[in-house]
Every structure is written in structure tokens, then in C-alpha cells.
Amino acid sequence: ADGSPVWILDGALDGRSRTKARRCLDEILRRAAGRAVVVSMSRPLDLHRFDRVIELRRGRIAFDGPPSERKTHGRDAA
């Protein structure tokens, strides 16, 4: 097992169906218990499971805060 206090995952959920991406996220968060986890996603998924969301649009920060304060836009709901 990796003892790193921080895990950075870039695109770990990309290219998967929403169901498979959720299963993968479940496993990631289970294995990363007690660690800080940074996950980049091209499609927002289950954002409510995270403490903080930073959303980029065209290379700029469009949102930075708790997922409960993020406005959803149709299908990208948390």
C-alpha cells in the first residue's frame, strides 16, 4: 500500500461510463481513507463526496469552494 499522505489522480475516471466511474471513485476513496485526494475530472461526478471543488473554465478558476455552494448546470449535477 502507498503510504503517501496525498494522492493526485489525473483523469482516473475519464472514458468510463458513469456507473463504472462511480465504482472506481468508490474504490479510490476507500483506499485513500485518511489521505488528501486530488482528482481531476472532465465530467463532474459525485462532487458531494469531496470537501472542496475547484472548477476551471478556459484555464481560469470559475468556482472554488464546497460542492454545496456550486451551482449545477443540467447533467453535471453533483
PDB file of N, CA and C in Angstrom:
ATOM      1  N   ALA A   1       0.845  -1.189   0.000  1.00  0.00           N
ATOM      2  CA  ALA A   1       0.000   0.000   0.000  1.00  0.00           C
ATOM      3  C   ALA A   1       0.883   1.242   0.000  1.00  0.00           C
ATOM      4  N   ASP A   2       0.396   2.267  -0.665  1.00  0.00           N
ATOM      5  CA  ASP A   2       1.101   3.536  -0.772  1.00  0.00           C
ATOM      6  C   ASP A   2       0.885   4.345   0.500  1.00  0.00           C
ATOM      7  N   GLY A   3       1.935   4.731   1.162  1.00  0.00           N
ATOM      8  CA  GLY A   3       1.831   5.494   2.394  1.00  0.00           C
ATOM      9  C   GLY A   3       1.819   6.996   2.193  1.00  0.00           C
ATOM     10  N   SER A   4       1.744   7.468   0.958  1.00  0.00           N
ATOM     11  CA  SER A   4       1.742   8.903   0.677  1.00  0.00           C
ATOM     12  C   SER A   4       0.544   9.582   1.331  1.00  0.00           C
ATOM     13  N   PRO A   5       0.748  10.759   1.920  1.00  0.00           N
ATOM     14  CA  PRO A   5      -0.365  11.462   2.543  1.00  0.00           C
ATOM     15  C   PRO A   5      -1.291  12.153   1.538  1.00  0.00           C
ATOM     16  N   VAL A   6      -0.822  12.306   0.291  1.00  0.00           N
ATOM     17  CA  VAL A   6      -1.622  12.965  -0.745  1.00  0.00           C
ATOM     18  C   VAL A   6      -1.609  12.106  -2.000  1.00  0.00           C
ATOM     19  N   TRP A   7      -2.779  11.889  -2.556  1.00  0.00           N
ATOM     20  CA  TRP A   7      -2.895  11.205  -3.854  1.00  0.00           C
ATOM     21  C   TRP A   7      -3.393  12.215  -4.871  1.00  0.00           C
ATOM     22  N   ILE A   8      -2.725  12.286  -6.028  1.00  0.00           N
ATOM     23  CA  ILE A   8      -3.133  13.156  -7.123  1.00  0.00           C
ATOM     24  C   ILE A   8      -3.463  12.262  -8.304  1.00  0.00           C
ATOM     25  N   LEU A   9      -4.717  12.308  -8.737  1.00  0.00           N
ATOM     26  CA  LEU A   9      -5.194  11.438  -9.812  1.00  0.00           C
ATOM     27  C   LEU A   9      -5.699  12.297 -10.967  1.00  0.00           C
ATOM     28  N   ASP A  10      -5.065  12.180 -12.097  1.00  0.00           N
ATOM     29  CA  ASP A  10      -5.418  12.968 -13.266  1.00  0.00           C
ATOM     30  C   ASP A  10      -6.170  12.102 -14.271  1.00  0.00           C
ATOM     31  N   GLY A  11      -7.457  12.346 -14.405  1.00  0.00           N
ATOM     32  CA  GLY A  11      -8.255  11.641 -15.403  1.00  0.00           C
ATOM     33  C   GLY A  11      -8.543  10.191 -15.071  1.00  0.00           C
ATOM     34  N   ALA A  12      -8.484   9.810 -13.808  1.00  0.00           N
ATOM     35  CA  ALA A  12      -8.689   8.410 -13.426  1.00  0.00           C
ATOM     36  C   ALA A  12     -10.082   7.900 -13.771  1.00  0.00           C
ATOM     37  N   LEU A  13     -11.049   8.797 -13.913  1.00  0.00           N
ATOM     38  CA  LEU A  13     -12.429   8.388 -14.193  1.00  0.00           C
ATOM     39  C   LEU A  13     -12.819   8.606 -15.652  1.00  0.00           C
ATOM     40  N   ASP A  14     -11.983   9.282 -16.401  1.00  0.00           N
ATOM     41  CA  ASP A  14     -12.297   9.603 -17.797  1.00  0.00           C
ATOM     42  C   ASP A  14     -12.425   8.345 -18.653  1.00  0.00           C
ATOM     43  N   GLY A  15     -13.342   8.383 -19.598  1.00  0.00           N
ATOM     44  CA  GLY A  15     -13.509   7.276 -20.534  1.00  0.00           C
ATOM     45  C   GLY A  15     -14.327   6.121 -19.988  1.00  0.00           C
ATOM     46  N   ARG A  16     -14.866   6.265 -18.804  1.00  0.00           N
ATOM     47  CA  ARG A  16     -15.677   5.210 -18.186  1.00  0.00           C
ATOM     48  C   ARG A  16     -17.135   5.659 -18.181  1.00  0.00           C
ATOM     49  N   SER A  17     -18.035   4.694 -18.195  1.00  0.00           N
ATOM     50  CA  SER A  17     -19.446   5.027 -18.040  1.00  0.00           C
ATOM     51  C   SER A  17     -19.622   5.617 -16.638  1.00  0.00           C
ATOM     52  N   ARG A  18     -20.720   6.319 -16.419  1.00  0.00           N
ATOM     53  CA  ARG A  18     -20.957   6.911 -15.094  1.00  0.00           C
ATOM     54  C   ARG A  18     -20.984   5.829 -14.016  1.00  0.00           C
ATOM     55  N   THR A  19     -21.571   4.678 -14.332  1.00  0.00           N
ATOM     56  CA  THR A  19     -21.632   3.589 -13.352  1.00  0.00           C
ATOM     57  C   THR A  19     -20.237   3.084 -13.012  1.00  0.00           C
ATOM     58  N   LYS A  20     -19.417   2.852 -14.020  1.00  0.00           N
ATOM     59  CA  LYS A  20     -18.051   2.363 -13.775  1.00  0.00           C
ATOM     60  C   LYS A  20     -17.198   3.429 -13.106  1.00  0.00           C
ATOM     61  N   ALA A  21     -17.405   4.690 -13.485  1.00  0.00           N
ATOM     62  CA  ALA A  21     -16.655   5.777 -12.865  1.00  0.00           C
ATOM     63  C   ALA A  21     -17.003   5.877 -11.382  1.00  0.00           C
ATOM     64  N   ARG A  22     -18.273   5.703 -11.034  1.00  0.00           N
ATOM     65  CA  ARG A  22     -18.678   5.736  -9.618  1.00  0.00           C
ATOM     66  C   ARG A  22     -18.041   4.593  -8.844  1.00  0.00           C
ATOM     67  N   ARG A  23     -18.021   3.409  -9.438  1.00  0.00           N
ATOM     68  CA  ARG A  23     -17.383   2.261  -8.766  1.00  0.00           C
ATOM     69  C   ARG A  23     -15.895   2.534  -8.549  1.00  0.00           C
ATOM     70  N   CYS A  24     -15.264   3.081  -9.558  1.00  0.00           N
ATOM     71  CA  CYS A  24     -13.838   3.403  -9.468  1.00  0.00           C
ATOM     72  C   CYS A  24     -13.607   4.459  -8.378  1.00  0.00           C
ATOM     73  N   LEU A  25     -14.450   5.485  -8.344  1.00  0.00           N
ATOM     74  CA  LEU A  25     -14.330   6.519  -7.326  1.00  0.00           C
ATOM     75  C   LEU A  25     -14.537   5.924  -5.931  1.00  0.00           C
ATOM     76  N   ASP A  26     -15.511   5.033  -5.795  1.00  0.00           N
ATOM     77  CA  ASP A  26     -15.730   4.347  -4.514  1.00  0.00           C
ATOM     78  C   ASP A  26     -14.441   3.670  -4.048  1.00  0.00           C
ATOM     79  N   GLU A  27     -13.802   2.944  -4.947  1.00  0.00           N
ATOM     80  CA  GLU A  27     -12.580   2.206  -4.603  1.00  0.00           C
ATOM     81  C   GLU A  27     -11.428   3.162  -4.278  1.00  0.00           C
ATOM     82  N   ILE A  28     -11.295   4.221  -5.056  1.00  0.00           N
ATOM     83  CA  ILE A  28     -10.239   5.209  -4.799  1.00  0.00           C
ATOM     84  C   ILE A  28     -10.406   5.799  -3.408  1.00  0.00           C
ATOM     85  N   LEU A  29     -11.614   6.250  -3.098  1.00  0.00           N
ATOM     86  CA  LEU A  29     -11.847   6.889  -1.805  1.00  0.00           C
ATOM     87  C   LEU A  29     -11.725   5.893  -0.652  1.00  0.00           C
ATOM     88  N   ARG A  30     -12.089   4.655  -0.877  1.00  0.00           N
ATOM     89  CA  ARG A  30     -11.926   3.623   0.153  1.00  0.00           C
ATOM     90  C   ARG A  30     -10.445   3.409   0.457  1.00  0.00           C
ATOM     91  N   ARG A  31      -9.648   3.268  -0.594  1.00  0.00           N
ATOM     92  CA  ARG A  31      -8.211   3.019  -0.413  1.00  0.00           C
ATOM     93  C   ARG A  31      -7.462   4.231   0.113  1.00  0.00           C
ATOM     94  N   ALA A  32      -7.996   5.415  -0.167  1.00  0.00           N
ATOM     95  CA  ALA A  32      -7.312   6.648   0.212  1.00  0.00           C
ATOM     96  C   ALA A  32      -7.779   7.189   1.561  1.00  0.00           C
ATOM     97  N   ALA A  33      -8.518   6.418   2.313  1.00  0.00           N
ATOM     98  CA  ALA A  33      -9.032   6.878   3.608  1.00  0.00           C
ATOM     99  C   ALA A  33      -7.922   7.493   4.449  1.00  0.00           C
ATOM    100  N   GLY A  34      -8.183   8.683   4.978  1.00  0.00           N
ATOM    101  CA  GLY A  34      -7.205   9.364   5.818  1.00  0.00           C
ATOM    102  C   GLY A  34      -6.175  10.172   5.045  1.00  0.00           C
ATOM    103  N   ARG A  35      -6.279  10.195   3.738  1.00  0.00           N
ATOM    104  CA  ARG A  35      -5.335  10.946   2.904  1.00  0.00           C
ATOM    105  C   ARG A  35      -6.064  12.100   2.207  1.00  0.00           C
ATOM    106  N   ALA A  36      -5.306  13.055   1.758  1.00  0.00           N
ATOM    107  CA  ALA A  36      -5.853  14.090   0.882  1.00  0.00           C
ATOM    108  C   ALA A  36      -5.857  13.520  -0.530  1.00  0.00           C
ATOM    109  N   VAL A  37      -6.971  13.707  -1.235  1.00  0.00           N
ATOM    110  CA  VAL A  37      -7.105  13.176  -2.588  1.00  0.00           C
ATOM    111  C   VAL A  37      -7.461  14.320  -3.524  1.00  0.00           C
ATOM    112  N   VAL A  38      -6.668  14.478  -4.584  1.00  0.00           N
ATOM    113  CA  VAL A  38      -6.932  15.469  -5.619  1.00  0.00           C
ATOM    114  C   VAL A  38      -7.272  14.688  -6.882  1.00  0.00           C
ATOM    115  N   VAL A  39      -8.477  14.919  -7.424  1.00  0.00           N
ATOM    116  CA  VAL A  39      -8.929  14.183  -8.600  1.00  0.00           C
ATOM    117  C   VAL A  39      -9.323  15.177  -9.679  1.00  0.00           C
ATOM    118  N   SER A  40      -8.720  15.073 -10.855  1.00  0.00           N
ATOM    119  CA  SER A  40      -9.173  15.899 -11.978  1.00  0.00           C
ATOM    120  C   SER A  40     -10.214  15.095 -12.744  1.00  0.00           C
ATOM    121  N   MET A  41     -11.285  15.776 -13.144  1.00  0.00           N
ATOM    122  CA  MET A  41     -12.377  15.127 -13.877  1.00  0.00           C
ATOM    123  C   MET A  41     -12.783  16.001 -15.049  1.00  0.00           C
ATOM    124  N   SER A  42     -13.029  15.383 -16.180  1.00  0.00           N
ATOM    125  CA  SER A  42     -13.548  16.142 -17.310  1.00  0.00           C
ATOM    126  C   SER A  42     -15.059  16.286 -17.209  1.00  0.00           C
ATOM    127  N   ARG A  43     -15.707  15.367 -16.476  1.00  0.00           N
ATOM    128  CA  ARG A  43     -17.150  15.415 -16.187  1.00  0.00           C
ATOM    129  C   ARG A  43     -17.332  15.394 -14.687  1.00  0.00           C
ATOM    130  N   PRO A  44     -17.988  16.395 -14.115  1.00  0.00           N
ATOM    131  CA  PRO A  44     -18.216  16.368 -12.673  1.00  0.00           C
ATOM    132  C   PRO A  44     -19.011  15.129 -12.268  1.00  0.00           C
ATOM    133  N   LEU A  45     -18.581  14.464 -11.212  1.00  0.00           N
ATOM    134  CA  LEU A  45     -19.229  13.239 -10.763  1.00  0.00           C
ATOM    135  C   LEU A  45     -19.170  13.161  -9.241  1.00  0.00           C
ATOM    136  N   ASP A  46     -20.323  13.029  -8.613  1.00  0.00           N
ATOM    137  CA  ASP A  46     -20.407  12.840  -7.158  1.00  0.00           C
ATOM    138  C   ASP A  46     -19.572  13.851  -6.377  1.00  0.00           C
ATOM    139  N   LEU A  47     -19.663  15.101  -6.769  1.00  0.00           N
ATOM    140  CA  LEU A  47     -18.853  16.133  -6.131  1.00  0.00           C
ATOM    141  C   LEU A  47     -19.167  16.276  -4.648  1.00  0.00           C
ATOM    142  N   HIS A  48     -20.357  15.895  -4.246  1.00  0.00           N
ATOM    143  CA  HIS A  48     -20.742  15.970  -2.834  1.00  0.00           C
ATOM    144  C   HIS A  48     -19.844  15.111  -1.946  1.00  0.00           C
ATOM    145  N   ARG A  49     -19.082  14.225  -2.530  1.00  0.00           N
ATOM    146  CA  ARG A  49     -18.195  13.341  -1.766  1.00  0.00           C
ATOM    147  C   ARG A  49     -16.861  14.015  -1.416  1.00  0.00           C
ATOM    148  N   PHE A  50     -16.682  15.230  -1.924  1.00  0.00           N
ATOM    149  CA  PHE A  50     -15.433  15.958  -1.704  1.00  0.00           C
ATOM    150  C   PHE A  50     -15.676  17.172  -0.817  1.00  0.00           C
ATOM    151  N   ASP A  51     -14.641  17.588  -0.110  1.00  0.00           N
ATOM    152  CA  ASP A  51     -14.736  18.763   0.758  1.00  0.00           C
ATOM    153  C   ASP A  51     -14.656  20.066  -0.024  1.00  0.00           C
ATOM    154  N   ARG A  52     -13.909  20.039  -1.112  1.00  0.00           N
ATOM    155  CA  ARG A  52     -13.662  21.263  -1.875  1.00  0.00           C
ATOM    156  C   ARG A  52     -13.650  20.938  -3.355  1.00  0.00           C
ATOM    157  N   VAL A  53     -14.196  21.857  -4.149  1.00  0.00           N
ATOM    158  CA  VAL A  53     -14.217  21.725  -5.607  1.00  0.00           C
ATOM    159  C   VAL A  53     -13.572  22.972  -6.197  1.00  0.00           C
ATOM    160  N   ILE A  54     -12.660  22.759  -7.122  1.00  0.00           N
ATOM    161  CA  ILE A  54     -12.094  23.861  -7.902  1.00  0.00           C
ATOM    162  C   ILE A  54     -12.432  23.562  -9.349  1.00  0.00           C
ATOM    163  N   GLU A  55     -13.238  24.415  -9.951  1.00  0.00           N
ATOM    164  CA  GLU A  55     -13.674  24.214 -11.329  1.00  0.00           C
ATOM    165  C   GLU A  55     -12.968  25.225 -12.231  1.00  0.00           C
ATOM    166  N   LEU A  56     -12.364  24.706 -13.283  1.00  0.00           N
ATOM    167  CA  LEU A  56     -11.670  25.564 -14.240  1.00  0.00           C
ATOM    168  C   LEU A  56     -12.486  25.687 -15.518  1.00  0.00           C
ATOM    169  N   ARG A  57     -12.490  26.882 -16.082  1.00  0.00           N
ATOM    170  CA  ARG A  57     -13.073  27.108 -17.404  1.00  0.00           C
ATOM    171  C   ARG A  57     -12.093  27.977 -18.179  1.00  0.00           C
ATOM    172  N   ARG A  58     -11.671  27.446 -19.309  1.00  0.00           N
ATOM    173  CA  ARG A  58     -10.705  28.153 -20.159  1.00  0.00           C
ATOM    174  C   ARG A  58      -9.467  28.584 -19.382  1.00  0.00           C
ATOM    175  N   GLY A  59      -9.017  27.686 -18.507  1.00  0.00           N
ATOM    176  CA  GLY A  59      -7.781  27.918 -17.772  1.00  0.00           C
ATOM    177  C   GLY A  59      -7.899  28.853 -16.585  1.00  0.00           C
ATOM    178  N   ARG A  60      -9.107  29.275 -16.257  1.00  0.00           N
ATOM    179  CA  ARG A  60      -9.314  30.182 -15.123  1.00  0.00           C
ATOM    180  C   ARG A  60     -10.230  29.527 -14.092  1.00  0.00           C
ATOM    181  N   ILE A  61     -10.065  29.896 -12.854  1.00  0.00           N
ATOM    182  CA  ILE A  61     -10.912  29.353 -11.794  1.00  0.00           C
ATOM    183  C   ILE A  61     -12.303  29.972 -11.909  1.00  0.00           C
ATOM    184  N   ALA A  62     -13.295  29.103 -12.154  1.00  0.00           N
ATOM    185  CA  ALA A  62     -14.690  29.538 -12.269  1.00  0.00           C
ATOM    186  C   ALA A  62     -15.421  29.328 -10.947  1.00  0.00           C
ATOM    187  N   PHE A  63     -14.941  28.402 -10.136  1.00  0.00           N
ATOM    188  CA  PHE A  63     -15.530  28.133  -8.826  1.00  0.00           C
ATOM    189  C   PHE A  63     -14.464  27.532  -7.926  1.00  0.00           C
ATOM    190  N   ASP A  64     -14.487  27.917  -6.669  1.00  0.00           N
ATOM    191  CA  ASP A  64     -13.596  27.356  -5.657  1.00  0.00           C
ATOM    192  C   ASP A  64     -14.340  27.388  -4.333  1.00  0.00           C
ATOM    193  N   GLY A  65     -14.716  26.225  -3.846  1.00  0.00           N
ATOM    194  CA  GLY A  65     -15.432  26.173  -2.584  1.00  0.00           C
ATOM    195  C   GLY A  65     -16.044  24.814  -2.346  1.00  0.00           C
ATOM    196  N   PRO A  66     -16.920  24.735  -1.352  1.00  0.00           N
ATOM    197  CA  PRO A  66     -17.574  23.455  -1.058  1.00  0.00           C
ATOM    198  C   PRO A  66     -18.581  23.110  -2.154  1.00  0.00           C
ATOM    199  N   PRO A  67     -18.764  21.828  -2.433  1.00  0.00           N
ATOM    200  CA  PRO A  67     -19.674  21.430  -3.510  1.00  0.00           C
ATOM    201  C   PRO A  67     -21.104  21.921  -3.288  1.00  0.00           C
ATOM    202  N   SER A  68     -21.526  22.090  -2.044  1.00  0.00           N
ATOM    203  CA  SER A  68     -22.885  22.552  -1.773  1.00  0.00           C
ATOM    204  C   SER A  68     -23.135  23.968  -2.278  1.00  0.00           C
ATOM    205  N   GLU A  69     -22.078  24.735  -2.505  1.00  0.00           N
ATOM    206  CA  GLU A  69     -22.222  26.101  -2.999  1.00  0.00           C
ATOM    207  C   GLU A  69     -22.066  26.211  -4.510  1.00  0.00           C
ATOM    208  N   ARG A  70     -21.726  25.129  -5.151  1.00  0.00           N
ATOM    209  CA  ARG A  70     -21.536  25.125  -6.608  1.00  0.00           C
ATOM    210  C   ARG A  70     -22.888  25.028  -7.293  1.00  0.00           C
ATOM    211  N   LYS A  71     -23.132  25.929  -8.210  1.00  0.00           N
ATOM    212  CA  LYS A  71     -24.375  25.874  -8.988  1.00  0.00           C
ATOM    213  C   LYS A  71     -24.222  24.774 -10.027  1.00  0.00           C
ATOM    214  N   THR A  72     -25.231  23.934 -10.155  1.00  0.00           N
ATOM    215  CA  THR A  72     -25.178  22.848 -11.136  1.00  0.00           C
ATOM    216  C   THR A  72     -25.812  23.313 -12.439  1.00  0.00           C
ATOM    217  N   HIS A  73     -25.360  22.695 -13.489  1.00  0.00           N
ATOM    218  CA  HIS A  73     -25.839  23.030 -14.825  1.00  0.00           C
ATOM    219  C   HIS A  73     -26.310  21.761 -15.506  1.00  0.00           C
ATOM    220  N   GLY A  74     -27.581  21.422 -15.328  1.00  0.00           N
ATOM    221  CA  GLY A  74     -28.158  20.263 -16.008  1.00  0.00           C
ATOM    222  C   GLY A  74     -27.503  18.962 -15.637  1.00  0.00           C
ATOM    223  N   ARG A  75     -26.927  18.303 -16.611  1.00  0.00           N
ATOM    224  CA  ARG A  75     -26.431  16.936 -16.416  1.00  0.00           C
ATOM    225  C   ARG A  75     -25.173  16.828 -15.558  1.00  0.00           C
ATOM    226  N   ASP A  76     -24.503  17.935 -15.266  1.00  0.00           N
ATOM    227  CA  ASP A  76     -23.270  17.828 -14.477  1.00  0.00           C
ATOM    228  C   ASP A  76     -23.539  17.933 -12.987  1.00  0.00           C
ATOM    229  N   ALA A  77     -24.752  17.680 -12.577  1.00  0.00           N
ATOM    230  CA  ALA A  77     -25.095  17.762 -11.158  1.00  0.00           C
ATOM    231  C   ALA A  77     -24.225  16.822 -10.329  1.00  0.00           C
ATOM    232  N   ALA A  78     -23.895  17.278  -9.155  1.00  0.00           N
ATOM    233  CA  ALA A  78     -23.002  16.504  -8.272  1.00  0.00           C
ATOM    234  C   ALA A  78     -23.604  15.188  -7.863  1.00  0.00           C
TER     235      ALA A  78
END
